[in-house]
């Protein structure tokens, strides 16, 4: 499997990278987002939102599970950390197969519900400012997308 790595040294660079990625996204794209607390998941999602033309403030959906934003494409931002066994009632398939881009934080907790093809993004905290963004594409669409992004 291909793996793509990008390093950033501040929040602005993380947002800029995510903004560039968003410009390549299309309806039905699914991104899974993993990383420790403070690694930059929300910052990354804010960059995606910017790249999708979303002007509303983006924050973590920790207690609401799913937040929806309107832009060039809708952004469905999910935090499934507290979902436990109720995920079957949330209709994830409708989002994954919908007209927008879905970002799922803590996606490993609903692994069986994920589509076959998606882009896994892991943010690693290296030090106070440096982050490593690791992209693991699942499916040819996402391999192509990563290659385009890394040009």
C-alpha atoms as a PDB file:
ATOM      1  CA  UNK A   1       0.000   0.000   0.000  1.00  0.00           C
ATOM      2  CA  UNK A   2       1.189   3.501  -0.833  1.00  0.00           C
ATOM      3  CA  UNK A   3       1.815   5.895   2.031  1.00  0.00           C
ATOM      4  CA  UNK A   4       2.364   9.615   1.652  1.00  0.00           C
ATOM      5  CA  UNK A   5       3.964  11.811   4.325  1.00  0.00           C
ATOM      6  CA  UNK A   6       3.866  15.599   4.670  1.00  0.00           C
ATOM      7  CA  UNK A   7       5.464  17.628   7.451  1.00  0.00           C
ATOM      8  CA  UNK A   8       4.199  20.944   8.776  1.00  0.00           C
ATOM      9  CA  UNK A   9       5.780  23.314  11.280  1.00  0.00           C
ATOM     10  CA  UNK A  10       2.760  25.387  12.305  1.00  0.00           C
ATOM     11  CA  UNK A  11      -1.040  25.451  12.253  1.00  0.00           C
ATOM     12  CA  UNK A  12      -1.123  27.654   9.131  1.00  0.00           C
ATOM     13  CA  UNK A  13       0.870  25.071   7.156  1.00  0.00           C
ATOM     14  CA  UNK A  14      -1.446  22.289   8.348  1.00  0.00           C
ATOM     15  CA  UNK A  15      -4.477  24.307   7.262  1.00  0.00           C
ATOM     16  CA  UNK A  16      -2.872  25.151   3.904  1.00  0.00           C
ATOM     17  CA  UNK A  17      -2.160  21.462   3.215  1.00  0.00           C
ATOM     18  CA  UNK A  18      -5.769  20.530   4.055  1.00  0.00           C
ATOM     19  CA  UNK A  19      -7.057  23.405   1.904  1.00  0.00           C
ATOM     20  CA  UNK A  20      -5.104  22.057  -1.077  1.00  0.00           C
ATOM     21  CA  UNK A  21      -6.508  18.585  -0.429  1.00  0.00           C
ATOM     22  CA  UNK A  22     -10.068  19.957  -0.290  1.00  0.00           C
ATOM     23  CA  UNK A  23      -9.673  21.456  -3.752  1.00  0.00           C
ATOM     24  CA  UNK A  24      -9.168  17.919  -5.111  1.00  0.00           C
ATOM     25  CA  UNK A  25     -12.148  16.357  -3.324  1.00  0.00           C
ATOM     26  CA  UNK A  26     -15.424  15.364  -4.903  1.00  0.00           C
ATOM     27  CA  UNK A  27     -18.838  14.295  -3.654  1.00  0.00           C
ATOM     28  CA  UNK A  28     -18.830  10.970  -1.871  1.00  0.00           C
ATOM     29  CA  UNK A  29     -15.216  11.256  -0.733  1.00  0.00           C
ATOM     30  CA  UNK A  30     -14.560   9.863   2.744  1.00  0.00           C
ATOM     31  CA  UNK A  31     -11.612  10.891   4.893  1.00  0.00           C
ATOM     32  CA  UNK A  32     -10.809   9.279   8.202  1.00  0.00           C
ATOM     33  CA  UNK A  33      -8.852  11.378  10.647  1.00  0.00           C
ATOM     34  CA  UNK A  34      -6.755   9.950  13.452  1.00  0.00           C
ATOM     35  CA  UNK A  35      -4.342  11.553  15.878  1.00  0.00           C
ATOM     36  CA  UNK A  36      -3.693  12.305  19.496  1.00  0.00           C
ATOM     37  CA  UNK A  37      -5.379  15.170  21.294  1.00  0.00           C
ATOM     38  CA  UNK A  38      -3.685  18.365  20.184  1.00  0.00           C
ATOM     39  CA  UNK A  39      -2.201  16.818  17.046  1.00  0.00           C
ATOM     40  CA  UNK A  40      -4.218  19.127  14.778  1.00  0.00           C
ATOM     41  CA  UNK A  41      -7.340  17.216  13.702  1.00  0.00           C
ATOM     42  CA  UNK A  42      -9.623  20.224  14.126  1.00  0.00           C
ATOM     43  CA  UNK A  43      -7.069  22.539  12.496  1.00  0.00           C
ATOM     44  CA  UNK A  44      -6.878  20.122   9.569  1.00  0.00           C
ATOM     45  CA  UNK A  45     -10.664  20.043   9.260  1.00  0.00           C
ATOM     46  CA  UNK A  46     -10.789  23.855   9.328  1.00  0.00           C
ATOM     47  CA  UNK A  47      -8.398  23.823   6.356  1.00  0.00           C
ATOM     48  CA  UNK A  48     -10.626  21.354   4.517  1.00  0.00           C
ATOM     49  CA  UNK A  49     -13.616  23.586   5.177  1.00  0.00           C
ATOM     50  CA  UNK A  50     -11.754  26.606   3.848  1.00  0.00           C
ATOM     51  CA  UNK A  51     -10.851  24.704   0.677  1.00  0.00           C
ATOM     52  CA  UNK A  52     -14.508  23.735   0.244  1.00  0.00           C
ATOM     53  CA  UNK A  53     -15.568  27.370   0.485  1.00  0.00           C
ATOM     54  CA  UNK A  54     -17.182  27.032   3.905  1.00  0.00           C
ATOM     55  CA  UNK A  55     -17.257  30.308   5.819  1.00  0.00           C
ATOM     56  CA  UNK A  56     -18.964  29.097   9.006  1.00  0.00           C
ATOM     57  CA  UNK A  57     -16.764  28.447  12.049  1.00  0.00           C
ATOM     58  CA  UNK A  58     -15.698  24.803  12.228  1.00  0.00           C
ATOM     59  CA  UNK A  59     -15.141  23.131  15.580  1.00  0.00           C
ATOM     60  CA  UNK A  60     -15.015  19.603  16.899  1.00  0.00           C
ATOM     61  CA  UNK A  61     -18.342  17.726  16.918  1.00  0.00           C
ATOM     62  CA  UNK A  62     -17.335  15.847  20.082  1.00  0.00           C
ATOM     63  CA  UNK A  63     -20.717  16.072  21.774  1.00  0.00           C
ATOM     64  CA  UNK A  64     -22.968  16.358  18.713  1.00  0.00           C
ATOM     65  CA  UNK A  65     -21.352  13.470  16.783  1.00  0.00           C
ATOM     66  CA  UNK A  66     -22.093  14.964  13.322  1.00  0.00           C
ATOM     67  CA  UNK A  67     -21.875  18.568  12.168  1.00  0.00           C
ATOM     68  CA  UNK A  68     -22.830  19.617   8.661  1.00  0.00           C
ATOM     69  CA  UNK A  69     -21.417  22.613   6.800  1.00  0.00           C
ATOM     70  CA  UNK A  70     -22.416  24.079   3.434  1.00  0.00           C
ATOM     71  CA  UNK A  71     -19.816  24.994   0.801  1.00  0.00           C
ATOM     72  CA  UNK A  72     -18.797  23.998  -2.744  1.00  0.00           C
ATOM     73  CA  UNK A  73     -19.578  20.535  -1.421  1.00  0.00           C
ATOM     74  CA  UNK A  74     -21.252  19.825   1.919  1.00  0.00           C
ATOM     75  CA  UNK A  75     -18.834  18.816   4.678  1.00  0.00           C
ATOM     76  CA  UNK A  76     -20.018  16.177   7.129  1.00  0.00           C
ATOM     77  CA  UNK A  77     -17.697  16.277  10.139  1.00  0.00           C
ATOM     78  CA  UNK A  78     -18.105  13.322  12.492  1.00  0.00           C
ATOM     79  CA  UNK A  79     -16.535  12.503  15.822  1.00  0.00           C
ATOM     80  CA  UNK A  80     -17.445   8.912  16.656  1.00  0.00           C
ATOM     81  CA  UNK A  81     -15.406   8.663  19.866  1.00  0.00           C
ATOM     82  CA  UNK A  82     -18.526   8.539  22.056  1.00  0.00           C
ATOM     83  CA  UNK A  83     -20.788   6.600  19.695  1.00  0.00           C
ATOM     84  CA  UNK A  84     -20.229   3.124  21.182  1.00  0.00           C
ATOM     85  CA  UNK A  85     -22.852   0.706  19.781  1.00  0.00           C
ATOM     86  CA  UNK A  86     -25.394   3.297  18.622  1.00  0.00           C
ATOM     87  CA  UNK A  87     -23.672   3.793  15.256  1.00  0.00           C
ATOM     88  CA  UNK A  88     -26.176   1.607  13.414  1.00  0.00           C
ATOM     89  CA  UNK A  89     -28.878   4.210  14.103  1.00  0.00           C
ATOM     90  CA  UNK A  90     -26.849   7.135  12.749  1.00  0.00           C
ATOM     91  CA  UNK A  91     -27.081   6.245   9.035  1.00  0.00           C
ATOM     92  CA  UNK A  92     -23.389   6.562   8.178  1.00  0.00           C
ATOM     93  CA  UNK A  93     -23.998   5.073   4.713  1.00  0.00           C
ATOM     94  CA  UNK A  94     -26.201   8.028   3.796  1.00  0.00           C
ATOM     95  CA  UNK A  95     -23.291  10.363   4.492  1.00  0.00           C
ATOM     96  CA  UNK A  96     -20.614   8.163   2.896  1.00  0.00           C
ATOM     97  CA  UNK A  97     -22.644   7.808  -0.289  1.00  0.00           C
ATOM     98  CA  UNK A  98     -24.049  11.343  -0.231  1.00  0.00           C
ATOM     99  CA  UNK A  99     -23.344  14.554  -2.096  1.00  0.00           C
ATOM    100  CA  UNK A 100     -20.646  15.814   0.228  1.00  0.00           C
ATOM    101  CA  UNK A 101     -17.283  15.076   1.777  1.00  0.00           C
ATOM    102  CA  UNK A 102     -17.277  13.097   5.010  1.00  0.00           C
ATOM    103  CA  UNK A 103     -14.552  13.464   7.635  1.00  0.00           C
ATOM    104  CA  UNK A 104     -14.631  10.885  10.434  1.00  0.00           C
ATOM    105  CA  UNK A 105     -12.533  11.398  13.562  1.00  0.00           C
ATOM    106  CA  UNK A 106     -11.686   8.224  15.544  1.00  0.00           C
ATOM    107  CA  UNK A 107     -12.846   6.155  12.547  1.00  0.00           C
ATOM    108  CA  UNK A 108     -11.133   2.999  13.782  1.00  0.00           C
ATOM    109  CA  UNK A 109     -14.042   2.707  16.251  1.00  0.00           C
ATOM    110  CA  UNK A 110     -16.497   2.154  13.371  1.00  0.00           C
ATOM    111  CA  UNK A 111     -14.159   0.286  11.022  1.00  0.00           C
ATOM    112  CA  UNK A 112     -16.833  -2.178   9.916  1.00  0.00           C
ATOM    113  CA  UNK A 113     -19.095   0.706   8.847  1.00  0.00           C
ATOM    114  CA  UNK A 114     -16.513   2.426   6.628  1.00  0.00           C
ATOM    115  CA  UNK A 115     -16.729   2.115   2.844  1.00  0.00           C
ATOM    116  CA  UNK A 116     -14.141  -0.023   1.057  1.00  0.00           C
ATOM    117  CA  UNK A 117     -12.399   3.036  -0.376  1.00  0.00           C
ATOM    118  CA  UNK A 118     -11.384   6.053   1.700  1.00  0.00           C
ATOM    119  CA  UNK A 119      -8.389   8.156   2.656  1.00  0.00           C
ATOM    120  CA  UNK A 120      -6.980   7.643   6.134  1.00  0.00           C
ATOM    121  CA  UNK A 121      -5.158  10.682   7.493  1.00  0.00           C
ATOM    122  CA  UNK A 122      -3.068  10.422  10.649  1.00  0.00           C
ATOM    123  CA  UNK A 123      -1.624  13.478  12.344  1.00  0.00           C
ATOM    124  CA  UNK A 124       1.373  12.865  14.566  1.00  0.00           C
ATOM    125  CA  UNK A 125       2.592  15.344  17.116  1.00  0.00           C
ATOM    126  CA  UNK A 126       6.377  15.555  16.741  1.00  0.00           C
ATOM    127  CA  UNK A 127       7.064  18.528  19.034  1.00  0.00           C
ATOM    128  CA  UNK A 128       5.566  21.873  20.029  1.00  0.00           C
ATOM    129  CA  UNK A 129       5.220  23.012  16.413  1.00  0.00           C
ATOM    130  CA  UNK A 130       6.028  20.118  14.058  1.00  0.00           C
ATOM    131  CA  UNK A 131       3.385  17.696  12.820  1.00  0.00           C
ATOM    132  CA  UNK A 132       3.644  14.754  10.477  1.00  0.00           C
ATOM    133  CA  UNK A 133       0.618  14.100   8.287  1.00  0.00           C
ATOM    134  CA  UNK A 134       0.479  10.528   7.002  1.00  0.00           C
ATOM    135  CA  UNK A 135      -1.929   9.728   4.187  1.00  0.00           C
ATOM    136  CA  UNK A 136      -2.901   6.083   3.678  1.00  0.00           C
ATOM    137  CA  UNK A 137      -5.160   5.705   0.640  1.00  0.00           C
ATOM    138  CA  UNK A 138      -7.548   2.780   0.368  1.00  0.00           C
ATOM    139  CA  UNK A 139      -8.592   2.476  -3.271  1.00  0.00           C
ATOM    140  CA  UNK A 140      -7.263   3.766  -6.584  1.00  0.00           C
ATOM    141  CA  UNK A 141      -9.214   7.049  -6.414  1.00  0.00           C
ATOM    142  CA  UNK A 142      -7.378   8.002  -3.225  1.00  0.00           C
ATOM    143  CA  UNK A 143      -3.965   6.842  -4.458  1.00  0.00           C
ATOM    144  CA  UNK A 144      -4.404   9.138  -7.473  1.00  0.00           C
ATOM    145  CA  UNK A 145      -5.636  11.952  -5.236  1.00  0.00           C
ATOM    146  CA  UNK A 146      -2.568  11.650  -2.968  1.00  0.00           C
ATOM    147  CA  UNK A 147      -0.181  11.655  -5.926  1.00  0.00           C
ATOM    148  CA  UNK A 148      -1.851  14.793  -7.258  1.00  0.00           C
ATOM    149  CA  UNK A 149      -1.705  16.461  -3.834  1.00  0.00           C
ATOM    150  CA  UNK A 150       1.993  15.715  -3.327  1.00  0.00           C
ATOM    151  CA  UNK A 151       3.073  17.291  -6.660  1.00  0.00           C
END
